[in-house]
Amino acid sequence: MHFAVDEERLGDLLHPPRSAEGFRAWAKEQSTAKTDGDCFGLAIEALDTAEIVGAVGSHQADPRAGWFEYGVTMGAEHRRKGYAAEAVVTLLRFMFAERRYHKCEARVFAHNEASLALQHRLGFVEEGRLRDHVFLAGRHHDLVVMGMLADEFAQLHSMSEL
């Protein structure tokens, strides 16, 4: 998937190089893998073309403590069209309203201004910055930890689809 390769260039996905065949094998394995509780990945599809334009998912979840972490990635040609925001709101609505989580966390590289702007538009607040936390392309980068509580989400977004 081309959007995953593009996202690696931004530094938000760190995977060793993989052949096209290796990526196809991984994608096939992922498509039939069982979900890990509340950790799952979903494709984002453009409804008008049925094209896969990105992915969204929850990567860690602690149901006992009531928090989960999410991530989103979009193909470069599909950014700034509202797909990511709509997919994230749908994911948050499900996790907060249906799965009854209390808090969502997102981790974003400090240099990824577009992703930080998306988090702020959705209602996330910066909770902290892990300085020089990730080594990428020959240097260290800060990682910004963003958070949103269920009641904050409910004030900004409908908890149910209308």
C-alpha atoms as a PDB file:
ATOM      1  CA  MET A   1       0.000   0.000   0.000  1.00  0.00           C
ATOM      2  CA  HIS A   2       1.538   3.242  -1.134  1.00  0.00           C
ATOM      3  CA  PHE A   3       0.256   5.274   1.819  1.00  0.00           C
ATOM      4  CA  ALA A   4       2.269   3.117   4.246  1.00  0.00           C
ATOM      5  CA  VAL A   5       5.480   3.788   2.309  1.00  0.00           C
ATOM      6  CA  ASP A   6       4.685   7.517   2.243  1.00  0.00           C
ATOM      7  CA  GLU A   7       4.006   7.510   5.995  1.00  0.00           C
ATOM      8  CA  GLU A   8       7.374   5.856   6.649  1.00  0.00           C
ATOM      9  CA  ARG A   9       9.017   8.825   4.935  1.00  0.00           C
ATOM     10  CA  LEU A  10       7.341  11.095   7.509  1.00  0.00           C
ATOM     11  CA  GLY A  11       8.743   8.893  10.245  1.00  0.00           C
ATOM     12  CA  ASP A  12       5.435   7.878  11.796  1.00  0.00           C
ATOM     13  CA  LEU A  13       5.858   4.233  10.852  1.00  0.00           C
ATOM     14  CA  LEU A  14       9.226   2.660  11.464  1.00  0.00           C
ATOM     15  CA  HIS A  15       9.618  -0.652   9.670  1.00  0.00           C
ATOM     16  CA  PRO A  16      12.650  -2.196   8.029  1.00  0.00           C
ATOM     17  CA  PRO A  17      12.635  -2.183   4.220  1.00  0.00           C
ATOM     18  CA  ARG A  18      10.329  -4.827   2.786  1.00  0.00           C
ATOM     19  CA  SER A  19       9.985  -6.218  -0.720  1.00  0.00           C
ATOM     20  CA  ALA A  20       6.715  -5.820  -2.597  1.00  0.00           C
ATOM     21  CA  GLU A  21       6.118  -9.565  -2.237  1.00  0.00           C
ATOM     22  CA  GLY A  22       6.913  -9.381   1.478  1.00  0.00           C
ATOM     23  CA  PHE A  23       4.441  -6.521   1.891  1.00  0.00           C
ATOM     24  CA  ARG A  24       1.732  -8.487   0.016  1.00  0.00           C
ATOM     25  CA  ALA A  25       2.328 -11.491   2.296  1.00  0.00           C
ATOM     26  CA  TRP A  26       2.125  -9.252   5.382  1.00  0.00           C
ATOM     27  CA  ALA A  27      -1.092  -7.608   4.115  1.00  0.00           C
ATOM     28  CA  LYS A  28      -2.674 -11.001   3.448  1.00  0.00           C
ATOM     29  CA  GLU A  29      -1.717 -12.178   6.937  1.00  0.00           C
ATOM     30  CA  GLN A  30      -3.161  -9.005   8.488  1.00  0.00           C
ATOM     31  CA  SER A  31      -6.412  -9.371   6.551  1.00  0.00           C
ATOM     32  CA  THR A  32      -7.145 -12.732   8.174  1.00  0.00           C
ATOM     33  CA  ALA A  33      -5.617 -12.118  11.611  1.00  0.00           C
ATOM     34  CA  LYS A  34      -7.894 -12.206  14.609  1.00  0.00           C
ATOM     35  CA  THR A  35      -8.304  -8.952  16.479  1.00  0.00           C
ATOM     36  CA  ASP A  36      -6.478  -8.552  19.764  1.00  0.00           C
ATOM     37  CA  GLY A  37      -9.377  -7.471  21.951  1.00  0.00           C
ATOM     38  CA  ASP A  38      -9.864  -3.776  21.340  1.00  0.00           C
ATOM     39  CA  CYS A  39      -6.705  -3.489  19.200  1.00  0.00           C
ATOM     40  CA  PHE A  40      -7.538  -3.571  15.508  1.00  0.00           C
ATOM     41  CA  GLY A  41      -6.886  -1.900  12.187  1.00  0.00           C
ATOM     42  CA  LEU A  42      -9.451  -0.687   9.669  1.00  0.00           C
ATOM     43  CA  ALA A  43      -9.136   0.458   6.070  1.00  0.00           C
ATOM     44  CA  ILE A  44     -10.433   3.904   5.174  1.00  0.00           C
ATOM     45  CA  GLU A  45     -12.375   3.800   1.916  1.00  0.00           C
ATOM     46  CA  ALA A  46     -13.452   6.686  -0.292  1.00  0.00           C
ATOM     47  CA  LEU A  47     -17.174   6.054  -0.718  1.00  0.00           C
ATOM     48  CA  ASP A  48     -17.354   7.611  -4.182  1.00  0.00           C
ATOM     49  CA  THR A  49     -14.560   5.448  -5.682  1.00  0.00           C
ATOM     50  CA  ALA A  50     -14.348   2.473  -3.276  1.00  0.00           C
ATOM     51  CA  GLU A  51     -10.571   3.103  -3.192  1.00  0.00           C
ATOM     52  CA  ILE A  52      -8.607   2.410  -0.013  1.00  0.00           C
ATOM     53  CA  VAL A  53      -7.199   5.826   0.919  1.00  0.00           C
ATOM     54  CA  GLY A  54      -5.787   5.181   4.378  1.00  0.00           C
ATOM     55  CA  ALA A  55      -6.007   3.202   7.596  1.00  0.00           C
ATOM     56  CA  VAL A  56      -7.037   3.831  11.196  1.00  0.00           C
ATOM     57  CA  GLY A  57      -6.805   1.625  14.240  1.00  0.00           C
ATOM     58  CA  SER A  58      -6.308   1.211  17.940  1.00  0.00           C
ATOM     59  CA  HIS A  59      -2.842  -0.080  18.744  1.00  0.00           C
ATOM     60  CA  GLN A  60      -2.863  -0.472  22.489  1.00  0.00           C
ATOM     61  CA  ALA A  61      -5.778  -0.760  24.840  1.00  0.00           C
ATOM     62  CA  ASP A  62      -6.019  -1.166  28.589  1.00  0.00           C
ATOM     63  CA  PRO A  63      -9.689  -1.844  29.360  1.00  0.00           C
ATOM     64  CA  ARG A  64      -9.007  -2.063  33.103  1.00  0.00           C
ATOM     65  CA  ALA A  65      -7.502   1.439  33.245  1.00  0.00           C
ATOM     66  CA  GLY A  66      -9.869   2.667  30.521  1.00  0.00           C
ATOM     67  CA  TRP A  67      -7.412   4.057  27.923  1.00  0.00           C
ATOM     68  CA  PHE A  68      -6.421   3.204  24.374  1.00  0.00           C
ATOM     69  CA  GLU A  69      -4.026   4.558  21.773  1.00  0.00           C
ATOM     70  CA  TYR A  70      -4.911   5.121  18.143  1.00  0.00           C
ATOM     71  CA  GLY A  71      -3.157   5.898  14.887  1.00  0.00           C
ATOM     72  CA  VAL A  72      -4.205   7.026  11.421  1.00  0.00           C
ATOM     73  CA  THR A  73      -2.376   7.138   8.090  1.00  0.00           C
ATOM     74  CA  MET A  74      -3.487   8.570   4.762  1.00  0.00           C
ATOM     75  CA  GLY A  75      -2.168   8.372   1.228  1.00  0.00           C
ATOM     76  CA  ALA A  76      -0.541  11.660   0.231  1.00  0.00           C
ATOM     77  CA  GLU A  77      -3.031  12.317  -2.563  1.00  0.00           C
ATOM     78  CA  HIS A  78      -5.963  11.813  -0.151  1.00  0.00           C
ATOM     79  CA  ARG A  79      -4.877  14.150   2.630  1.00  0.00           C
ATOM     80  CA  ARG A  80      -6.817  17.286   3.565  1.00  0.00           C
ATOM     81  CA  LYS A  81     -10.081  15.893   2.204  1.00  0.00           C
ATOM     82  CA  GLY A  82     -11.668  15.006   5.550  1.00  0.00           C
ATOM     83  CA  TYR A  83     -11.172  11.238   5.360  1.00  0.00           C
ATOM     84  CA  ALA A  84      -8.830  11.034   8.368  1.00  0.00           C
ATOM     85  CA  ALA A  85     -10.989  13.234  10.594  1.00  0.00           C
ATOM     86  CA  GLU A  86     -14.145  11.286   9.747  1.00  0.00           C
ATOM     87  CA  ALA A  87     -12.438   7.932  10.332  1.00  0.00           C
ATOM     88  CA  VAL A  88     -10.937   9.034  13.650  1.00  0.00           C
ATOM     89  CA  VAL A  89     -14.250  10.413  14.919  1.00  0.00           C
ATOM     90  CA  THR A  90     -15.927   7.113  13.984  1.00  0.00           C
ATOM     91  CA  LEU A  91     -13.225   5.137  15.806  1.00  0.00           C
ATOM     92  CA  LEU A  92     -13.422   7.384  18.880  1.00  0.00           C
ATOM     93  CA  ARG A  93     -17.209   7.209  18.918  1.00  0.00           C
ATOM     94  CA  PHE A  94     -17.026   3.396  18.897  1.00  0.00           C
ATOM     95  CA  MET A  95     -14.337   3.170  21.575  1.00  0.00           C
ATOM     96  CA  PHE A  96     -15.927   5.763  23.881  1.00  0.00           C
ATOM     97  CA  ALA A  97     -19.633   5.018  23.418  1.00  0.00           C
ATOM     98  CA  GLU A  98     -19.666   1.289  22.652  1.00  0.00           C
ATOM     99  CA  ARG A  99     -16.517  -0.027  24.352  1.00  0.00           C
ATOM    100  CA  ARG A 100     -16.790   2.501  27.229  1.00  0.00           C
ATOM    101  CA  TYR A 101     -13.172   3.651  27.260  1.00  0.00           C
ATOM    102  CA  HIS A 102     -12.419   6.813  29.211  1.00  0.00           C
ATOM    103  CA  LYS A 103      -9.346   8.167  27.420  1.00  0.00           C
ATOM    104  CA  CYS A 104      -7.648   8.083  24.020  1.00  0.00           C
ATOM    105  CA  GLU A 105      -3.989   8.810  23.408  1.00  0.00           C
ATOM    106  CA  ALA A 106      -2.140   9.635  20.191  1.00  0.00           C
ATOM    107  CA  ARG A 107       1.631   9.900  19.732  1.00  0.00           C
ATOM    108  CA  VAL A 108       2.859  12.190  16.966  1.00  0.00           C
ATOM    109  CA  PHE A 109       6.333  13.230  15.838  1.00  0.00           C
ATOM    110  CA  ALA A 110       6.828  16.902  16.691  1.00  0.00           C
ATOM    111  CA  HIS A 111       7.819  17.677  13.088  1.00  0.00           C
ATOM    112  CA  ASN A 112       4.560  16.226  11.676  1.00  0.00           C
ATOM    113  CA  GLU A 113       2.661  19.515  11.734  1.00  0.00           C
ATOM    114  CA  ALA A 114      -0.296  18.212   9.696  1.00  0.00           C
ATOM    115  CA  SER A 115      -0.937  15.364  12.126  1.00  0.00           C
ATOM    116  CA  LEU A 116      -0.591  17.657  15.133  1.00  0.00           C
ATOM    117  CA  ALA A 117      -3.073  20.070  13.547  1.00  0.00           C
ATOM    118  CA  LEU A 118      -5.531  17.200  12.965  1.00  0.00           C
ATOM    119  CA  GLN A 119      -5.288  16.135  16.612  1.00  0.00           C
ATOM    120  CA  HIS A 120      -5.955  19.697  17.786  1.00  0.00           C
ATOM    121  CA  ARG A 121      -8.933  20.093  15.389  1.00  0.00           C
ATOM    122  CA  LEU A 122     -10.426  16.870  16.751  1.00  0.00           C
ATOM    123  CA  GLY A 123     -10.084  18.129  20.337  1.00  0.00           C
ATOM    124  CA  PHE A 124      -6.918  16.407  21.534  1.00  0.00           C
ATOM    125  CA  VAL A 125      -4.665  18.331  23.897  1.00  0.00           C
ATOM    126  CA  GLU A 126      -0.919  18.032  24.273  1.00  0.00           C
ATOM    127  CA  GLU A 127      -0.153  16.119  27.460  1.00  0.00           C
ATOM    128  CA  GLY A 128       3.585  15.917  27.126  1.00  0.00           C
ATOM    129  CA  ARG A 129       6.626  15.747  24.918  1.00  0.00           C
ATOM    130  CA  LEU A 130       9.150  12.928  24.971  1.00  0.00           C
ATOM    131  CA  ARG A 131      12.361  14.683  24.003  1.00  0.00           C
ATOM    132  CA  ASP A 132      14.661  12.977  21.468  1.00  0.00           C
ATOM    133  CA  HIS A 133      12.561   9.845  21.914  1.00  0.00           C
ATOM    134  CA  VAL A 134      12.857   8.341  18.430  1.00  0.00           C
ATOM    135  CA  PHE A 135      15.930   7.954  16.241  1.00  0.00           C
ATOM    136  CA  LEU A 136      15.127   8.395  12.543  1.00  0.00           C
ATOM    137  CA  ALA A 137      17.121   9.411   9.473  1.00  0.00           C
ATOM    138  CA  GLY A 138      20.304   9.955  11.434  1.00  0.00           C
ATOM    139  CA  ARG A 139      18.966  12.062  14.268  1.00  0.00           C
ATOM    140  CA  HIS A 140      16.662  12.045  17.279  1.00  0.00           C
ATOM    141  CA  HIS A 141      13.134  13.464  17.197  1.00  0.00           C
ATOM    142  CA  ASP A 142      10.656  14.542  19.856  1.00  0.00           C
ATOM    143  CA  LEU A 143       7.405  12.633  20.251  1.00  0.00           C
ATOM    144  CA  VAL A 144       4.301  14.596  21.291  1.00  0.00           C
ATOM    145  CA  VAL A 145       1.763  12.763  23.444  1.00  0.00           C
ATOM    146  CA  MET A 146      -1.806  13.952  22.817  1.00  0.00           C
ATOM    147  CA  GLY A 147      -4.884  12.945  24.800  1.00  0.00           C
ATOM    148  CA  MET A 148      -8.662  13.236  24.815  1.00  0.00           C
ATOM    149  CA  LEU A 149     -11.164  12.146  27.468  1.00  0.00           C
ATOM    150  CA  ALA A 150     -14.546  10.665  26.618  1.00  0.00           C
ATOM    151  CA  ASP A 151     -16.446  13.628  28.074  1.00  0.00           C
ATOM    152  CA  GLU A 152     -14.287  16.052  26.054  1.00  0.00           C
ATOM    153  CA  PHE A 153     -15.131  14.077  22.915  1.00  0.00           C
ATOM    154  CA  ALA A 154     -18.845  14.143  23.779  1.00  0.00           C
ATOM    155  CA  GLN A 155     -18.760  17.951  24.094  1.00  0.00           C
ATOM    156  CA  LEU A 156     -17.304  18.311  20.584  1.00  0.00           C
ATOM    157  CA  HIS A 157     -18.782  15.377  18.671  1.00  0.00           C
ATOM    158  CA  SER A 158     -21.987  13.395  18.694  1.00  0.00           C
ATOM    159  CA  MET A 159     -21.677  10.124  20.598  1.00  0.00           C
ATOM    160  CA  SER A 160     -23.965   8.448  18.077  1.00  0.00           C
ATOM    161  CA  GLU A 161     -24.260   8.639  14.322  1.00  0.00           C
ATOM    162  CA  LEU A 162     -27.413  10.409  13.244  1.00  0.00           C
END
